[in-house]
N, C-alpha and C. Protein backbone atom coordinates (compact mmCIF):
# COMPACT_ATOMS: atom_id res chain seq x y z
N MET A 1 -71.48 -55.38 -74.54
CA MET A 1 -72.77 -55.86 -74.05
C MET A 1 -72.66 -56.11 -72.55
N SER A 2 -73.61 -55.60 -71.81
CA SER A 2 -73.58 -55.76 -70.36
C SER A 2 -74.20 -57.10 -69.95
N GLU A 3 -73.72 -57.59 -68.84
CA GLU A 3 -74.28 -58.83 -68.28
C GLU A 3 -75.74 -58.62 -67.87
N GLN A 4 -76.05 -57.40 -67.43
CA GLN A 4 -77.43 -57.08 -67.04
C GLN A 4 -78.38 -57.19 -68.24
N LEU A 5 -77.98 -56.67 -69.39
CA LEU A 5 -78.81 -56.77 -70.59
C LEU A 5 -78.95 -58.22 -71.01
N ARG A 6 -77.86 -58.97 -70.97
CA ARG A 6 -77.91 -60.40 -71.33
C ARG A 6 -78.92 -61.14 -70.46
N GLU A 7 -78.90 -60.89 -69.16
CA GLU A 7 -79.83 -61.56 -68.25
C GLU A 7 -81.26 -61.09 -68.49
N GLN A 8 -81.44 -59.82 -68.80
CA GLN A 8 -82.78 -59.30 -69.09
C GLN A 8 -83.38 -59.98 -70.31
N ILE A 9 -82.60 -60.10 -71.37
CA ILE A 9 -83.09 -60.73 -72.60
C ILE A 9 -83.31 -62.22 -72.39
N LYS A 10 -82.41 -62.87 -71.65
CA LYS A 10 -82.60 -64.30 -71.37
C LYS A 10 -83.90 -64.51 -70.59
N THR A 11 -84.18 -63.64 -69.63
CA THR A 11 -85.43 -63.74 -68.88
C THR A 11 -86.63 -63.56 -69.79
N LEU A 12 -86.54 -62.63 -70.74
CA LEU A 12 -87.64 -62.44 -71.70
C LEU A 12 -87.83 -63.68 -72.57
N GLU A 13 -86.74 -64.31 -72.99
CA GLU A 13 -86.85 -65.55 -73.78
C GLU A 13 -87.53 -66.64 -72.95
N GLU A 14 -87.13 -66.76 -71.69
CA GLU A 14 -87.75 -67.78 -70.83
C GLU A 14 -89.23 -67.48 -70.62
N ARG A 15 -89.59 -66.21 -70.50
CA ARG A 15 -91.01 -65.84 -70.38
C ARG A 15 -91.76 -66.19 -71.66
N HIS A 16 -91.15 -65.89 -72.79
CA HIS A 16 -91.77 -66.14 -74.10
C HIS A 16 -92.10 -67.62 -74.28
N THR A 17 -91.31 -68.49 -73.69
CA THR A 17 -91.54 -69.93 -73.84
C THR A 17 -92.29 -70.55 -72.65
N ALA A 18 -92.58 -69.75 -71.63
CA ALA A 18 -93.27 -70.27 -70.44
C ALA A 18 -94.75 -70.52 -70.72
N LEU A 19 -95.27 -71.63 -70.22
CA LEU A 19 -96.68 -71.97 -70.42
C LEU A 19 -97.62 -70.87 -69.94
N SER A 20 -97.34 -70.31 -68.78
CA SER A 20 -98.23 -69.29 -68.22
C SER A 20 -98.34 -68.07 -69.13
N VAL A 21 -97.24 -67.69 -69.75
CA VAL A 21 -97.24 -66.54 -70.65
C VAL A 21 -97.88 -66.92 -71.98
N ARG A 22 -97.57 -68.09 -72.50
CA ARG A 22 -98.10 -68.51 -73.79
C ARG A 22 -99.62 -68.70 -73.75
N GLN A 23 -100.17 -68.92 -72.56
CA GLN A 23 -101.62 -69.07 -72.40
C GLN A 23 -102.33 -67.72 -72.29
N SER A 24 -101.57 -66.64 -72.14
CA SER A 24 -102.15 -65.32 -71.91
C SER A 24 -101.99 -64.43 -73.14
N ARG A 25 -103.09 -64.12 -73.77
CA ARG A 25 -103.06 -63.22 -74.93
C ARG A 25 -102.45 -61.87 -74.53
N LYS A 26 -102.82 -61.39 -73.34
CA LYS A 26 -102.31 -60.10 -72.86
C LYS A 26 -100.79 -60.11 -72.71
N GLU A 27 -100.26 -61.17 -72.11
CA GLU A 27 -98.81 -61.26 -71.92
C GLU A 27 -98.08 -61.42 -73.25
N MET A 28 -98.63 -62.23 -74.14
CA MET A 28 -98.00 -62.40 -75.46
C MET A 28 -98.02 -61.09 -76.23
N ASP A 29 -99.09 -60.34 -76.11
CA ASP A 29 -99.20 -59.05 -76.80
C ASP A 29 -98.12 -58.09 -76.32
N LYS A 30 -97.78 -58.15 -75.04
CA LYS A 30 -96.71 -57.29 -74.49
C LYS A 30 -95.35 -57.68 -75.03
N ILE A 31 -95.12 -58.97 -75.20
CA ILE A 31 -93.80 -59.46 -75.61
C ILE A 31 -93.57 -59.30 -77.11
N LEU A 32 -94.59 -59.57 -77.92
CA LEU A 32 -94.43 -59.56 -79.37
C LEU A 32 -94.54 -58.15 -79.94
N ALA A 33 -93.57 -57.77 -80.75
CA ALA A 33 -93.62 -56.47 -81.44
C ALA A 33 -94.74 -56.49 -82.47
N ASP A 34 -95.22 -55.33 -82.84
CA ASP A 34 -96.32 -55.27 -83.81
C ASP A 34 -95.97 -55.94 -85.13
N GLY A 35 -94.75 -55.83 -85.58
CA GLY A 35 -94.33 -56.46 -86.84
C GLY A 35 -93.79 -57.87 -86.69
N PHE A 36 -94.00 -58.49 -85.52
CA PHE A 36 -93.46 -59.82 -85.24
C PHE A 36 -93.92 -60.85 -86.28
N TYR A 37 -92.97 -61.75 -86.61
CA TYR A 37 -93.35 -62.97 -87.33
C TYR A 37 -92.42 -64.08 -86.91
N GLU A 38 -92.89 -65.30 -87.12
CA GLU A 38 -92.17 -66.50 -86.69
C GLU A 38 -92.14 -67.49 -87.84
N ILE A 39 -91.01 -68.16 -87.97
CA ILE A 39 -90.92 -69.34 -88.82
C ILE A 39 -90.88 -70.51 -87.84
N GLY A 40 -92.00 -71.20 -87.74
CA GLY A 40 -92.14 -72.26 -86.76
C GLY A 40 -91.37 -73.52 -87.13
N SER A 41 -91.21 -74.39 -86.16
CA SER A 41 -90.53 -75.66 -86.41
C SER A 41 -91.31 -76.51 -87.40
N SER A 42 -92.58 -76.16 -87.62
CA SER A 42 -93.42 -76.85 -88.61
C SER A 42 -93.07 -76.42 -90.04
N GLY A 43 -92.33 -75.31 -90.16
CA GLY A 43 -92.02 -74.76 -91.47
C GLY A 43 -93.02 -73.70 -91.91
N PHE A 44 -94.08 -73.51 -91.14
CA PHE A 44 -95.08 -72.49 -91.45
C PHE A 44 -94.71 -71.16 -90.80
N MET A 45 -95.14 -70.06 -91.41
CA MET A 45 -94.89 -68.73 -90.87
C MET A 45 -96.14 -68.23 -90.16
N PHE A 46 -95.92 -67.47 -89.08
CA PHE A 46 -97.00 -66.93 -88.27
C PHE A 46 -96.72 -65.47 -87.96
N THR A 47 -97.76 -64.65 -87.99
CA THR A 47 -97.65 -63.24 -87.61
C THR A 47 -98.07 -63.08 -86.15
N LYS A 48 -97.86 -61.88 -85.63
CA LYS A 48 -98.31 -61.60 -84.27
C LYS A 48 -99.81 -61.83 -84.15
N GLU A 49 -100.55 -61.33 -85.13
CA GLU A 49 -102.00 -61.46 -85.09
C GLU A 49 -102.43 -62.93 -85.04
N GLU A 50 -101.78 -63.76 -85.85
CA GLU A 50 -102.11 -65.19 -85.85
C GLU A 50 -101.78 -65.83 -84.50
N CYS A 51 -100.65 -65.46 -83.93
CA CYS A 51 -100.27 -66.01 -82.63
C CYS A 51 -101.28 -65.61 -81.55
N LEU A 52 -101.75 -64.37 -81.60
CA LEU A 52 -102.70 -63.90 -80.60
C LEU A 52 -104.10 -64.47 -80.81
N GLU A 53 -104.49 -64.61 -82.08
CA GLU A 53 -105.85 -65.10 -82.38
C GLU A 53 -106.00 -66.61 -82.17
N THR A 54 -105.06 -67.36 -82.71
CA THR A 54 -105.20 -68.82 -82.66
C THR A 54 -104.37 -69.44 -81.54
N GLY A 55 -103.53 -68.62 -80.91
CA GLY A 55 -102.69 -69.11 -79.83
C GLY A 55 -101.41 -69.74 -80.37
N VAL A 56 -100.55 -70.09 -79.45
CA VAL A 56 -99.28 -70.73 -79.79
C VAL A 56 -99.27 -72.11 -79.16
N VAL A 57 -98.37 -72.95 -79.61
CA VAL A 57 -98.28 -74.30 -79.08
C VAL A 57 -97.93 -74.24 -77.59
N LEU A 58 -98.69 -74.94 -76.79
CA LEU A 58 -98.50 -74.95 -75.35
C LEU A 58 -97.75 -76.20 -74.94
N THR A 59 -96.46 -76.04 -74.70
CA THR A 59 -95.63 -77.17 -74.30
C THR A 59 -94.71 -76.74 -73.16
N GLU A 60 -94.20 -77.72 -72.45
CA GLU A 60 -93.24 -77.45 -71.39
C GLU A 60 -91.84 -77.48 -71.99
N MET A 61 -91.19 -76.33 -71.99
CA MET A 61 -89.87 -76.20 -72.62
C MET A 61 -88.84 -75.69 -71.63
N THR A 62 -87.61 -76.14 -71.82
CA THR A 62 -86.49 -75.60 -71.05
C THR A 62 -85.41 -75.13 -72.02
N LEU A 63 -84.81 -73.98 -71.70
CA LEU A 63 -83.76 -73.39 -72.54
C LEU A 63 -82.39 -73.81 -72.05
N HIS A 64 -81.50 -74.03 -73.01
CA HIS A 64 -80.11 -74.37 -72.72
C HIS A 64 -79.20 -73.64 -73.71
N HIS A 65 -77.95 -73.48 -73.35
CA HIS A 65 -76.93 -72.93 -74.24
C HIS A 65 -77.31 -71.56 -74.80
N PHE A 66 -77.89 -70.71 -73.96
CA PHE A 66 -78.30 -69.38 -74.39
C PHE A 66 -77.09 -68.55 -74.79
N ASP A 67 -77.21 -67.83 -75.91
CA ASP A 67 -76.17 -66.91 -76.36
C ASP A 67 -76.85 -65.68 -76.94
N MET A 68 -76.15 -64.56 -76.90
CA MET A 68 -76.72 -63.31 -77.40
C MET A 68 -75.63 -62.49 -78.07
N GLN A 69 -76.00 -61.85 -79.18
CA GLN A 69 -75.10 -60.96 -79.90
C GLN A 69 -75.81 -59.64 -80.14
N MET A 70 -75.09 -58.56 -79.92
CA MET A 70 -75.63 -57.23 -80.23
C MET A 70 -75.50 -57.01 -81.73
N LEU A 71 -76.60 -56.68 -82.38
CA LEU A 71 -76.58 -56.35 -83.81
C LEU A 71 -76.54 -54.84 -84.01
N ALA A 72 -77.09 -54.10 -83.06
CA ALA A 72 -77.08 -52.64 -83.01
C ALA A 72 -77.38 -52.27 -81.56
N ASP A 73 -77.34 -50.98 -81.23
CA ASP A 73 -77.61 -50.58 -79.85
C ASP A 73 -78.99 -51.00 -79.37
N ASP A 74 -79.93 -51.13 -80.31
CA ASP A 74 -81.30 -51.44 -79.94
C ASP A 74 -81.82 -52.75 -80.56
N ILE A 75 -80.90 -53.61 -81.01
CA ILE A 75 -81.29 -54.89 -81.62
C ILE A 75 -80.33 -55.98 -81.16
N VAL A 76 -80.88 -57.10 -80.69
CA VAL A 76 -80.05 -58.24 -80.30
C VAL A 76 -80.56 -59.52 -80.96
N LEU A 77 -79.64 -60.42 -81.20
CA LEU A 77 -79.92 -61.75 -81.72
C LEU A 77 -79.65 -62.74 -80.60
N THR A 78 -80.61 -63.61 -80.33
CA THR A 78 -80.39 -64.67 -79.35
C THR A 78 -80.46 -66.02 -80.06
N THR A 79 -79.67 -66.96 -79.58
CA THR A 79 -79.73 -68.34 -80.06
C THR A 79 -79.67 -69.25 -78.84
N TYR A 80 -80.37 -70.38 -78.94
CA TYR A 80 -80.38 -71.31 -77.82
C TYR A 80 -80.97 -72.64 -78.26
N PHE A 81 -80.87 -73.60 -77.37
CA PHE A 81 -81.34 -74.96 -77.57
C PHE A 81 -82.54 -75.16 -76.64
N VAL A 82 -83.60 -75.77 -77.15
CA VAL A 82 -84.80 -76.01 -76.34
C VAL A 82 -85.09 -77.51 -76.27
N GLU A 83 -85.32 -77.98 -75.05
CA GLU A 83 -85.87 -79.31 -74.84
C GLU A 83 -87.37 -79.15 -74.65
N ASP A 84 -88.14 -79.75 -75.54
CA ASP A 84 -89.60 -79.71 -75.48
C ASP A 84 -90.04 -81.01 -74.83
N LYS A 85 -90.38 -80.94 -73.56
CA LYS A 85 -90.71 -82.15 -72.81
C LYS A 85 -92.10 -82.68 -73.15
N THR A 86 -92.98 -81.80 -73.61
CA THR A 86 -94.33 -82.22 -73.95
C THR A 86 -94.34 -83.04 -75.24
N ARG A 87 -93.64 -82.54 -76.25
CA ARG A 87 -93.63 -83.22 -77.55
C ARG A 87 -92.43 -84.15 -77.72
N ASN A 88 -91.59 -84.22 -76.68
CA ASN A 88 -90.41 -85.09 -76.69
C ASN A 88 -89.55 -84.85 -77.93
N ARG A 89 -89.20 -83.57 -78.13
CA ARG A 89 -88.30 -83.23 -79.24
C ARG A 89 -87.50 -81.99 -78.86
N ASN A 90 -86.45 -81.78 -79.61
CA ASN A 90 -85.56 -80.66 -79.35
C ASN A 90 -85.52 -79.73 -80.55
N THR A 91 -85.30 -78.45 -80.27
CA THR A 91 -85.20 -77.47 -81.34
C THR A 91 -84.06 -76.50 -81.08
N LEU A 92 -83.51 -76.00 -82.18
CA LEU A 92 -82.57 -74.89 -82.13
C LEU A 92 -83.39 -73.64 -82.39
N ARG A 93 -83.18 -72.60 -81.60
CA ARG A 93 -84.01 -71.40 -81.68
C ARG A 93 -83.16 -70.17 -81.92
N SER A 94 -83.76 -69.20 -82.60
CA SER A 94 -83.15 -67.88 -82.74
C SER A 94 -84.24 -66.84 -82.67
N SER A 95 -83.90 -65.70 -82.08
CA SER A 95 -84.84 -64.60 -81.93
C SER A 95 -84.12 -63.29 -82.19
N ILE A 96 -84.87 -62.32 -82.70
CA ILE A 96 -84.38 -60.95 -82.80
C ILE A 96 -85.28 -60.09 -81.91
N TRP A 97 -84.64 -59.42 -80.96
CA TRP A 97 -85.32 -58.52 -80.03
C TRP A 97 -84.95 -57.09 -80.39
N LYS A 98 -85.95 -56.20 -80.39
CA LYS A 98 -85.72 -54.78 -80.68
C LYS A 98 -86.22 -53.95 -79.50
N TYR A 99 -85.47 -52.89 -79.21
CA TYR A 99 -85.88 -51.97 -78.16
C TYR A 99 -86.82 -50.95 -78.79
N ILE A 100 -88.12 -51.08 -78.48
CA ILE A 100 -89.17 -50.27 -79.09
C ILE A 100 -90.01 -49.66 -77.97
N ASP A 101 -90.27 -48.37 -78.06
CA ASP A 101 -91.14 -47.69 -77.09
C ASP A 101 -90.72 -47.94 -75.64
N GLY A 102 -89.41 -47.93 -75.40
CA GLY A 102 -88.91 -48.04 -74.04
C GLY A 102 -88.84 -49.43 -73.45
N ARG A 103 -89.00 -50.46 -74.30
CA ARG A 103 -88.89 -51.84 -73.79
C ARG A 103 -88.47 -52.78 -74.92
N TRP A 104 -87.90 -53.92 -74.51
CA TRP A 104 -87.47 -54.93 -75.47
C TRP A 104 -88.69 -55.74 -75.92
N GLN A 105 -88.84 -55.89 -77.25
CA GLN A 105 -89.96 -56.63 -77.82
C GLN A 105 -89.43 -57.65 -78.83
N LEU A 106 -90.08 -58.79 -78.89
CA LEU A 106 -89.69 -59.86 -79.80
C LEU A 106 -90.18 -59.53 -81.21
N SER A 107 -89.22 -59.42 -82.13
CA SER A 107 -89.54 -59.02 -83.50
C SER A 107 -89.57 -60.21 -84.46
N PHE A 108 -88.72 -61.22 -84.20
CA PHE A 108 -88.62 -62.39 -85.07
C PHE A 108 -88.24 -63.59 -84.24
N HIS A 109 -88.75 -64.75 -84.62
CA HIS A 109 -88.40 -65.99 -83.92
C HIS A 109 -88.42 -67.14 -84.92
N GLN A 110 -87.48 -68.07 -84.74
CA GLN A 110 -87.45 -69.27 -85.58
C GLN A 110 -87.06 -70.47 -84.73
N GLY A 111 -87.72 -71.60 -85.01
CA GLY A 111 -87.39 -72.86 -84.35
C GLY A 111 -87.14 -73.92 -85.41
N THR A 112 -86.06 -74.67 -85.24
CA THR A 112 -85.71 -75.74 -86.17
C THR A 112 -85.52 -77.03 -85.39
N ILE A 113 -86.27 -78.05 -85.75
CA ILE A 113 -86.17 -79.34 -85.07
C ILE A 113 -84.78 -79.92 -85.29
N THR A 114 -84.21 -80.50 -84.23
CA THR A 114 -82.90 -81.13 -84.32
C THR A 114 -82.95 -82.50 -83.64
N SER A 115 -82.13 -83.40 -84.14
CA SER A 115 -82.01 -84.71 -83.50
C SER A 115 -80.98 -84.70 -82.37
N LEU A 116 -80.27 -83.58 -82.21
CA LEU A 116 -79.28 -83.46 -81.15
C LEU A 116 -79.94 -83.51 -79.77
N LYS A 117 -79.22 -84.04 -78.81
CA LYS A 117 -79.61 -83.98 -77.40
C LYS A 117 -78.86 -82.80 -76.78
N VAL A 118 -79.36 -82.30 -75.67
CA VAL A 118 -78.77 -81.10 -75.07
C VAL A 118 -77.28 -81.27 -74.78
N ASN A 119 -76.85 -82.45 -74.36
CA ASN A 119 -75.43 -82.66 -74.05
C ASN A 119 -74.58 -82.89 -75.32
N GLU A 120 -75.22 -83.02 -76.48
CA GLU A 120 -74.48 -83.19 -77.74
C GLU A 120 -74.28 -81.87 -78.48
N PHE A 121 -74.99 -80.84 -78.04
CA PHE A 121 -74.95 -79.54 -78.72
C PHE A 121 -73.59 -78.90 -78.58
N LYS A 122 -73.03 -78.46 -79.67
CA LYS A 122 -71.77 -77.72 -79.68
C LYS A 122 -71.98 -76.48 -80.54
N ARG A 123 -71.74 -75.32 -79.96
CA ARG A 123 -71.86 -74.06 -80.69
C ARG A 123 -70.66 -73.93 -81.64
N PRO A 124 -70.91 -73.54 -82.91
CA PRO A 124 -69.79 -73.34 -83.84
C PRO A 124 -68.84 -72.26 -83.32
N VAL A 125 -67.60 -72.41 -83.62
CA VAL A 125 -66.59 -71.44 -83.16
C VAL A 125 -66.55 -70.26 -84.09
């Protein structure tokens, strides 16, 4: 895995969680793959259509402890820790990105609420 690809995917994750992007149906449509679905921190599942129609939660989030694994030449798994400053809670996140039609698109995303603080997070060995 190249460092350039890692940085590209990390940038896409940061865009996916950015308020400016989450407020834009057009930008979200570019990022989310047609078959996208999410298991939200609420425990509910959402499709791309639901995210575009009803919108996504608009919060100020920062990413920490980003990691990425290649699952195939055109599929990557990302995991990271998010501090949600708006809702004053933290989540562990995972995403699957697929290279579709000449660009990386978000295919799956999951957020799980955690009581851990960013400095308490330890990635399993």
